[in-house]
């Protein structure tokens, strides 16, 4: 589950980054940081700025809970390192 979650997150980031060498979009960088390290409440408050569909927010909460319960701090650091290096 850990590897699958990491691959899904990495794939999403790869799809959302530009083809230029300008680094990660600041909005996505903040979302990834909140997704990996913030509380569920902080993450959902940020997501609500861009999305108001209750089903999407519920799914975001479920995914955040899964990440918080399954990934270790080392896992999160490795995922963040890969994303930042893009």
PDB file of N, CA and C in Angstrom:
ATOM      1  N   UNK A   1       0.831  -1.201   0.000  1.00  0.00           N
ATOM      2  CA  UNK A   1       0.000   0.000   0.000  1.00  0.00           C
ATOM      3  C   UNK A   1       0.867   1.253   0.000  1.00  0.00           C
ATOM      4  N   UNK A   2       1.979   1.212   0.739  1.00  0.00           N
ATOM      5  CA  UNK A   2       2.838   2.383   0.808  1.00  0.00           C
ATOM      6  C   UNK A   2       3.398   2.721  -0.562  1.00  0.00           C
ATOM      7  N   UNK A   3       3.901   1.724  -1.266  1.00  0.00           N
ATOM      8  CA  UNK A   3       4.480   1.959  -2.577  1.00  0.00           C
ATOM      9  C   UNK A   3       3.418   2.444  -3.558  1.00  0.00           C
ATOM     10  N   UNK A   4       2.247   1.853  -3.500  1.00  0.00           N
ATOM     11  CA  UNK A   4       1.170   2.268  -4.405  1.00  0.00           C
ATOM     12  C   UNK A   4       0.776   3.714  -4.155  1.00  0.00           C
ATOM     13  N   UNK A   5       0.647   4.084  -2.891  1.00  0.00           N
ATOM     14  CA  UNK A   5       0.305   5.473  -2.565  1.00  0.00           C
ATOM     15  C   UNK A   5       1.369   6.442  -3.009  1.00  0.00           C
ATOM     16  N   UNK A   6       2.626   6.067  -2.808  1.00  0.00           N
ATOM     17  CA  UNK A   6       3.731   6.929  -3.227  1.00  0.00           C
ATOM     18  C   UNK A   6       3.748   7.087  -4.745  1.00  0.00           C
ATOM     19  N   UNK A   7       3.497   5.999  -5.459  1.00  0.00           N
ATOM     20  CA  UNK A   7       3.489   6.064  -6.918  1.00  0.00           C
ATOM     21  C   UNK A   7       2.331   6.906  -7.447  1.00  0.00           C
ATOM     22  N   UNK A   8       1.179   6.804  -6.802  1.00  0.00           N
ATOM     23  CA  UNK A   8       0.034   7.624  -7.214  1.00  0.00           C
ATOM     24  C   UNK A   8       0.341   9.096  -7.006  1.00  0.00           C
ATOM     25  N   UNK A   9       0.910   9.426  -5.847  1.00  0.00           N
ATOM     26  CA  UNK A   9       1.261  10.810  -5.564  1.00  0.00           C
ATOM     27  C   UNK A   9       2.312  11.317  -6.547  1.00  0.00           C
ATOM     28  N   UNK A  10       3.328  10.511  -6.801  1.00  0.00           N
ATOM     29  CA  UNK A  10       4.369  10.908  -7.736  1.00  0.00           C
ATOM     30  C   UNK A  10       3.797  11.093  -9.135  1.00  0.00           C
ATOM     31  N   UNK A  11       2.928  10.189  -9.556  1.00  0.00           N
ATOM     32  CA  UNK A  11       2.304  10.312 -10.876  1.00  0.00           C
ATOM     33  C   UNK A  11       1.477  11.574 -10.999  1.00  0.00           C
ATOM     34  N   UNK A  12       0.743  11.914  -9.949  1.00  0.00           N
ATOM     35  CA  UNK A  12      -0.065  13.135  -9.980  1.00  0.00           C
ATOM     36  C   UNK A  12       0.812  14.363 -10.102  1.00  0.00           C
ATOM     37  N   UNK A  13       1.897  14.373  -9.377  1.00  0.00           N
ATOM     38  CA  UNK A  13       2.806  15.518  -9.447  1.00  0.00           C
ATOM     39  C   UNK A  13       3.438  15.616 -10.817  1.00  0.00           C
ATOM     40  N   UNK A  14       3.829  14.496 -11.378  1.00  0.00           N
ATOM     41  CA  UNK A  14       4.435  14.521 -12.713  1.00  0.00           C
ATOM     42  C   UNK A  14       3.462  15.047 -13.760  1.00  0.00           C
ATOM     43  N   UNK A  15       2.196  14.693 -13.621  1.00  0.00           N
ATOM     44  CA  UNK A  15       1.196  15.187 -14.567  1.00  0.00           C
ATOM     45  C   UNK A  15       0.963  16.685 -14.431  1.00  0.00           C
ATOM     46  N   UNK A  16       1.122  17.200 -13.233  1.00  0.00           N
ATOM     47  CA  UNK A  16       0.797  18.595 -12.977  1.00  0.00           C
ATOM     48  C   UNK A  16       1.971  19.552 -13.146  1.00  0.00           C
ATOM     49  N   UNK A  17       3.156  19.021 -13.298  1.00  0.00           N
ATOM     50  CA  UNK A  17       4.309  19.903 -13.480  1.00  0.00           C
ATOM     51  C   UNK A  17       4.466  20.227 -14.953  1.00  0.00           C
ATOM     52  N   UNK A  18       5.092  21.349 -15.200  1.00  0.00           N
ATOM     53  CA  UNK A  18       5.302  21.754 -16.585  1.00  0.00           C
ATOM     54  C   UNK A  18       6.501  21.036 -17.165  1.00  0.00           C
ATOM     55  N   UNK A  19       6.654  21.136 -18.485  1.00  0.00           N
ATOM     56  CA  UNK A  19       7.776  20.496 -19.143  1.00  0.00           C
ATOM     57  C   UNK A  19       9.040  21.331 -19.051  1.00  0.00           C
ATOM     58  N   UNK A  20       8.944  22.585 -18.661  1.00  0.00           N
ATOM     59  CA  UNK A  20      10.117  23.435 -18.515  1.00  0.00           C
ATOM     60  C   UNK A  20      10.858  23.110 -17.234  1.00  0.00           C
ATOM     61  N   UNK A  21      12.029  23.686 -17.096  1.00  0.00           N
ATOM     62  CA  UNK A  21      12.829  23.443 -15.903  1.00  0.00           C
ATOM     63  C   UNK A  21      12.653  24.607 -14.940  1.00  0.00           C
ATOM     64  N   UNK A  22      11.408  24.853 -14.547  1.00  0.00           N
ATOM     65  CA  UNK A  22      11.133  25.997 -13.694  1.00  0.00           C
ATOM     66  C   UNK A  22      10.726  25.580 -12.291  1.00  0.00           C
ATOM     67  N   UNK A  23      10.928  24.315 -11.940  1.00  0.00           N
ATOM     68  CA  UNK A  23      10.583  23.846 -10.604  1.00  0.00           C
ATOM     69  C   UNK A  23       9.111  23.523 -10.487  1.00  0.00           C
ATOM     70  N   UNK A  24       8.747  23.181  -9.310  1.00  0.00           N
ATOM     71  CA  UNK A  24       7.379  22.800  -9.017  1.00  0.00           C
ATOM     72  C   UNK A  24       6.514  24.041  -8.815  1.00  0.00           C
ATOM     73  N   UNK A  25       5.319  24.019  -9.345  1.00  0.00           N
ATOM     74  CA  UNK A  25       4.370  25.109  -9.162  1.00  0.00           C
ATOM     75  C   UNK A  25       4.180  25.346  -7.661  1.00  0.00           C
ATOM     76  N   UNK A  26       4.257  26.596  -7.203  1.00  0.00           N
ATOM     77  CA  UNK A  26       4.138  26.873  -5.761  1.00  0.00           C
ATOM     78  C   UNK A  26       2.834  26.354  -5.134  1.00  0.00           C
ATOM     79  N   UNK A  27       1.755  26.388  -5.864  1.00  0.00           N
ATOM     80  CA  UNK A  27       0.480  25.895  -5.324  1.00  0.00           C
ATOM     81  C   UNK A  27       0.561  24.389  -5.096  1.00  0.00           C
ATOM     82  N   UNK A  28       1.138  23.679  -6.043  1.00  0.00           N
ATOM     83  CA  UNK A  28       1.269  22.233  -5.904  1.00  0.00           C
ATOM     84  C   UNK A  28       2.276  21.900  -4.810  1.00  0.00           C
ATOM     85  N   UNK A  29       3.355  22.658  -4.746  1.00  0.00           N
ATOM     86  CA  UNK A  29       4.353  22.433  -3.706  1.00  0.00           C
ATOM     87  C   UNK A  29       3.741  22.585  -2.318  1.00  0.00           C
ATOM     88  N   UNK A  30       2.917  23.608  -2.157  1.00  0.00           N
ATOM     89  CA  UNK A  30       2.258  23.812  -0.862  1.00  0.00           C
ATOM     90  C   UNK A  30       1.281  22.677  -0.572  1.00  0.00           C
ATOM     91  N   UNK A  31       0.533  22.254  -1.593  1.00  0.00           N
ATOM     92  CA  UNK A  31      -0.437  21.175  -1.397  1.00  0.00           C
ATOM     93  C   UNK A  31       0.271  19.881  -1.005  1.00  0.00           C
ATOM     94  N   UNK A  32       1.389  19.572  -1.651  1.00  0.00           N
ATOM     95  CA  UNK A  32       2.142  18.368  -1.315  1.00  0.00           C
ATOM     96  C   UNK A  32       2.656  18.460   0.116  1.00  0.00           C
ATOM     97  N   UNK A  33       3.183  19.624   0.493  1.00  0.00           N
ATOM     98  CA  UNK A  33       3.692  19.808   1.853  1.00  0.00           C
ATOM     99  C   UNK A  33       2.575  19.606   2.884  1.00  0.00           C
ATOM    100  N   UNK A  34       1.425  20.204   2.630  1.00  0.00           N
ATOM    101  CA  UNK A  34       0.297  20.029   3.544  1.00  0.00           C
ATOM    102  C   UNK A  34      -0.191  18.583   3.547  1.00  0.00           C
ATOM    103  N   UNK A  35      -0.218  17.960   2.371  1.00  0.00           N
ATOM    104  CA  UNK A  35      -0.680  16.583   2.255  1.00  0.00           C
ATOM    105  C   UNK A  35       0.196  15.634   3.067  1.00  0.00           C
ATOM    106  N   UNK A  36       1.495  15.864   3.034  1.00  0.00           N
ATOM    107  CA  UNK A  36       2.410  14.956   3.721  1.00  0.00           C
ATOM    108  C   UNK A  36       2.580  15.269   5.201  1.00  0.00           C
ATOM    109  N   UNK A  37       2.599  16.541   5.569  1.00  0.00           N
ATOM    110  CA  UNK A  37       3.042  16.903   6.916  1.00  0.00           C
ATOM    111  C   UNK A  37       2.003  17.611   7.796  1.00  0.00           C
ATOM    112  N   UNK A  38       0.983  18.190   7.238  1.00  0.00           N
ATOM    113  CA  UNK A  38       0.013  18.954   8.036  1.00  0.00           C
ATOM    114  C   UNK A  38      -1.073  18.031   8.590  1.00  0.00           C
ATOM    115  N   UNK A  39      -1.881  18.596   9.454  1.00  0.00           N
ATOM    116  CA  UNK A  39      -3.032  17.845   9.964  1.00  0.00           C
ATOM    117  C   UNK A  39      -4.085  17.733   8.858  1.00  0.00           C
ATOM    118  N   UNK A  40      -4.997  16.821   9.056  1.00  0.00           N
ATOM    119  CA  UNK A  40      -6.070  16.653   8.072  1.00  0.00           C
ATOM    120  C   UNK A  40      -6.885  17.932   7.937  1.00  0.00           C
ATOM    121  N   UNK A  41      -7.136  18.606   9.045  1.00  0.00           N
ATOM    122  CA  UNK A  41      -7.925  19.839   9.020  1.00  0.00           C
ATOM    123  C   UNK A  41      -7.231  20.925   8.198  1.00  0.00           C
ATOM    124  N   UNK A  42      -5.926  21.079   8.406  1.00  0.00           N
ATOM    125  CA  UNK A  42      -5.174  22.092   7.650  1.00  0.00           C
ATOM    126  C   UNK A  42      -5.184  21.775   6.158  1.00  0.00           C
ATOM    127  N   UNK A  43      -4.986  20.497   5.840  1.00  0.00           N
ATOM    128  CA  UNK A  43      -4.987  20.082   4.439  1.00  0.00           C
ATOM    129  C   UNK A  43      -6.345  20.334   3.794  1.00  0.00           C
ATOM    130  N   UNK A  44      -7.409  19.958   4.472  1.00  0.00           N
ATOM    131  CA  UNK A  44      -8.743  20.135   3.892  1.00  0.00           C
ATOM    132  C   UNK A  44      -9.119  21.609   3.755  1.00  0.00           C
ATOM    133  N   UNK A  45      -8.700  22.442   4.686  1.00  0.00           N
ATOM    134  CA  UNK A  45      -8.953  23.888   4.552  1.00  0.00           C
ATOM    135  C   UNK A  45      -8.294  24.430   3.293  1.00  0.00           C
ATOM    136  N   UNK A  46      -7.103  23.952   2.996  1.00  0.00           N
ATOM    137  CA  UNK A  46      -6.402  24.394   1.791  1.00  0.00           C
ATOM    138  C   UNK A  46      -7.121  23.885   0.539  1.00  0.00           C
ATOM    139  N   UNK A  47      -7.517  22.611   0.543  1.00  0.00           N
ATOM    140  CA  UNK A  47      -8.204  22.034  -0.618  1.00  0.00           C
ATOM    141  C   UNK A  47      -9.526  22.746  -0.870  1.00  0.00           C
ATOM    142  N   UNK A  48     -10.218  23.163   0.189  1.00  0.00           N
ATOM    143  CA  UNK A  48     -11.515  23.846   0.052  1.00  0.00           C
ATOM    144  C   UNK A  48     -11.399  25.163  -0.703  1.00  0.00           C
ATOM    145  N   UNK A  49     -10.209  25.737  -0.767  1.00  0.00           N
ATOM    146  CA  UNK A  49     -10.021  26.971  -1.532  1.00  0.00           C
ATOM    147  C   UNK A  49     -10.223  26.728  -3.025  1.00  0.00           C
ATOM    148  N   UNK A  50     -10.000  25.487  -3.461  1.00  0.00           N
ATOM    149  CA  UNK A  50     -10.039  25.167  -4.882  1.00  0.00           C
ATOM    150  C   UNK A  50     -11.170  24.226  -5.260  1.00  0.00           C
ATOM    151  N   UNK A  51     -11.788  23.597  -4.280  1.00  0.00           N
ATOM    152  CA  UNK A  51     -12.792  22.575  -4.548  1.00  0.00           C
ATOM    153  C   UNK A  51     -13.903  22.654  -3.512  1.00  0.00           C
ATOM    154  N   UNK A  52     -15.163  22.636  -3.977  1.00  0.00           N
ATOM    155  CA  UNK A  52     -16.273  22.676  -3.035  1.00  0.00           C
ATOM    156  C   UNK A  52     -17.218  21.487  -3.154  1.00  0.00           C
ATOM    157  N   UNK A  53     -16.855  20.510  -3.959  1.00  0.00           N
ATOM    158  CA  UNK A  53     -17.669  19.313  -4.125  1.00  0.00           C
ATOM    159  C   UNK A  53     -17.499  18.430  -2.886  1.00  0.00           C
ATOM    160  N   UNK A  54     -18.588  18.153  -2.152  1.00  0.00           N
ATOM    161  CA  UNK A  54     -18.493  17.348  -0.925  1.00  0.00           C
ATOM    162  C   UNK A  54     -17.884  15.962  -1.149  1.00  0.00           C
ATOM    163  N   UNK A  55     -18.169  15.347  -2.281  1.00  0.00           N
ATOM    164  CA  UNK A  55     -17.612  14.016  -2.556  1.00  0.00           C
ATOM    165  C   UNK A  55     -16.095  14.083  -2.720  1.00  0.00           C
ATOM    166  N   UNK A  56     -15.616  15.114  -3.382  1.00  0.00           N
ATOM    167  CA  UNK A  56     -14.180  15.278  -3.569  1.00  0.00           C
ATOM    168  C   UNK A  56     -13.503  15.560  -2.234  1.00  0.00           C
ATOM    169  N   UNK A  57     -14.115  16.397  -1.417  1.00  0.00           N
ATOM    170  CA  UNK A  57     -13.555  16.703  -0.102  1.00  0.00           C
ATOM    171  C   UNK A  57     -13.539  15.467   0.795  1.00  0.00           C
ATOM    172  N   UNK A  58     -14.573  14.646   0.706  1.00  0.00           N
ATOM    173  CA  UNK A  58     -14.609  13.409   1.492  1.00  0.00           C
ATOM    174  C   UNK A  58     -13.495  12.462   1.045  1.00  0.00           C
ATOM    175  N   UNK A  59     -13.313  12.353  -0.260  1.00  0.00           N
ATOM    176  CA  UNK A  59     -12.231  11.508  -0.773  1.00  0.00           C
ATOM    177  C   UNK A  59     -10.867  12.042  -0.348  1.00  0.00           C
ATOM    178  N   UNK A  60     -10.693  13.360  -0.383  1.00  0.00           N
ATOM    179  CA  UNK A  60      -9.435  13.958   0.055  1.00  0.00           C
ATOM    180  C   UNK A  60      -9.168  13.642   1.519  1.00  0.00           C
ATOM    181  N   UNK A  61     -10.200  13.696   2.339  1.00  0.00           N
ATOM    182  CA  UNK A  61     -10.054  13.371   3.762  1.00  0.00           C
ATOM    183  C   UNK A  61      -9.692  11.900   3.949  1.00  0.00           C
ATOM    184  N   UNK A  62     -10.328  11.026   3.187  1.00  0.00           N
ATOM    185  CA  UNK A  62     -10.034   9.598   3.292  1.00  0.00           C
ATOM    186  C   UNK A  62      -8.604   9.282   2.859  1.00  0.00           C
ATOM    187  N   UNK A  63      -8.153   9.900   1.775  1.00  0.00           N
ATOM    188  CA  UNK A  63      -6.795   9.664   1.294  1.00  0.00           C
ATOM    189  C   UNK A  63      -5.780  10.209   2.291  1.00  0.00           C
ATOM    190  N   UNK A  64      -6.044  11.390   2.848  1.00  0.00           N
ATOM    191  CA  UNK A  64      -5.142  11.977   3.837  1.00  0.00           C
ATOM    192  C   UNK A  64      -5.057  11.078   5.067  1.00  0.00           C
ATOM    193  N   UNK A  65      -6.178  10.545   5.512  1.00  0.00           N
ATOM    194  CA  UNK A  65      -6.186   9.629   6.655  1.00  0.00           C
ATOM    195  C   UNK A  65      -5.349   8.390   6.349  1.00  0.00           C
ATOM    196  N   UNK A  66      -5.508   7.853   5.162  1.00  0.00           N
ATOM    197  CA  UNK A  66      -4.751   6.673   4.758  1.00  0.00           C
ATOM    198  C   UNK A  66      -3.256   6.968   4.765  1.00  0.00           C
ATOM    199  N   UNK A  67      -2.861   8.102   4.207  1.00  0.00           N
ATOM    200  CA  UNK A  67      -1.444   8.486   4.182  1.00  0.00           C
ATOM    201  C   UNK A  67      -0.913   8.650   5.597  1.00  0.00           C
ATOM    202  N   UNK A  68      -1.660   9.339   6.426  1.00  0.00           N
ATOM    203  CA  UNK A  68      -1.214   9.573   7.800  1.00  0.00           C
ATOM    204  C   UNK A  68      -1.080   8.274   8.590  1.00  0.00           C
ATOM    205  N   UNK A  69      -1.934   7.307   8.305  1.00  0.00           N
ATOM    206  CA  UNK A  69      -1.922   6.052   9.048  1.00  0.00           C
ATOM    207  C   UNK A  69      -0.947   5.019   8.506  1.00  0.00           C
ATOM    208  N   UNK A  70      -0.495   5.174   7.260  1.00  0.00           N
ATOM    209  CA  UNK A  70       0.337   4.122   6.668  1.00  0.00           C
ATOM    210  C   UNK A  70       1.774   4.557   6.373  1.00  0.00           C
ATOM    211  N   UNK A  71       1.994   5.807   6.003  1.00  0.00           N
ATOM    212  CA  UNK A  71       3.349   6.227   5.656  1.00  0.00           C
ATOM    213  C   UNK A  71       4.117   6.661   6.893  1.00  0.00           C
ATOM    214  N   UNK A  72       5.364   6.238   6.970  1.00  0.00           N
ATOM    215  CA  UNK A  72       6.227   6.676   8.062  1.00  0.00           C
ATOM    216  C   UNK A  72       6.806   8.046   7.715  1.00  0.00           C
ATOM    217  N   UNK A  73       7.434   8.668   8.676  1.00  0.00           N
ATOM    218  CA  UNK A  73       8.082   9.964   8.406  1.00  0.00           C
ATOM    219  C   UNK A  73       9.173   9.809   7.361  1.00  0.00           C
ATOM    220  N   UNK A  74       9.903   8.686   7.389  1.00  0.00           N
ATOM    221  CA  UNK A  74      10.923   8.435   6.362  1.00  0.00           C
ATOM    222  C   UNK A  74      10.293   8.302   4.983  1.00  0.00           C
ATOM    223  N   UNK A  75       9.164   7.588   4.898  1.00  0.00           N
ATOM    224  CA  UNK A  75       8.455   7.455   3.619  1.00  0.00           C
ATOM    225  C   UNK A  75       8.079   8.837   3.087  1.00  0.00           C
ATOM    226  N   UNK A  76       7.518   9.666   3.960  1.00  0.00           N
ATOM    227  CA  UNK A  76       7.094  11.005   3.553  1.00  0.00           C
ATOM    228  C   UNK A  76       8.281  11.847   3.106  1.00  0.00           C
ATOM    229  N   UNK A  77       9.398  11.724   3.813  1.00  0.00           N
ATOM    230  CA  UNK A  77      10.595  12.480   3.442  1.00  0.00           C
ATOM    231  C   UNK A  77      11.098  12.042   2.066  1.00  0.00           C
ATOM    232  N   UNK A  78      11.113  10.736   1.818  1.00  0.00           N
ATOM    233  CA  UNK A  78      11.577  10.237   0.527  1.00  0.00           C
ATOM    234  C   UNK A  78      10.665  10.709  -0.611  1.00  0.00           C
ATOM    235  N   UNK A  79       9.369  10.654  -0.384  1.00  0.00           N
ATOM    236  CA  UNK A  79       8.421  11.124  -1.400  1.00  0.00           C
ATOM    237  C   UNK A  79       8.638  12.614  -1.660  1.00  0.00           C
ATOM    238  N   UNK A  80       8.774  13.389  -0.604  1.00  0.00           N
ATOM    239  CA  UNK A  80       8.982  14.829  -0.745  1.00  0.00           C
ATOM    240  C   UNK A  80      10.300  15.113  -1.477  1.00  0.00           C
ATOM    241  N   UNK A  81      11.348  14.370  -1.159  1.00  0.00           N
ATOM    242  CA  UNK A  81      12.643  14.559  -1.831  1.00  0.00           C
ATOM    243  C   UNK A  81      12.545  14.316  -3.330  1.00  0.00           C
ATOM    244  N   UNK A  82      11.806  13.261  -3.705  1.00  0.00           N
ATOM    245  CA  UNK A  82      11.631  12.961  -5.134  1.00  0.00           C
ATOM    246  C   UNK A  82      10.860  14.082  -5.818  1.00  0.00           C
ATOM    247  N   UNK A  83       9.803  14.542  -5.186  1.00  0.00           N
ATOM    248  CA  UNK A  83       8.970  15.587  -5.790  1.00  0.00           C
ATOM    249  C   UNK A  83       9.752  16.885  -5.931  1.00  0.00           C
ATOM    250  N   UNK A  84      10.502  17.257  -4.898  1.00  0.00           N
ATOM    251  CA  UNK A  84      11.268  18.500  -4.932  1.00  0.00           C
ATOM    252  C   UNK A  84      12.364  18.436  -5.991  1.00  0.00           C
ATOM    253  N   UNK A  85      12.909  17.258  -6.233  1.00  0.00           N
ATOM    254  CA  UNK A  85      13.988  17.124  -7.211  1.00  0.00           C
ATOM    255  C   UNK A  85      13.494  17.233  -8.651  1.00  0.00           C
ATOM    256  N   UNK A  86      12.189  17.220  -8.863  1.00  0.00           N
ATOM    257  CA  UNK A  86      11.654  17.315 -10.228  1.00  0.00           C
ATOM    258  C   UNK A  86      11.920  18.648 -10.773  1.00  0.00           C
TER     259      UNK A  86
END
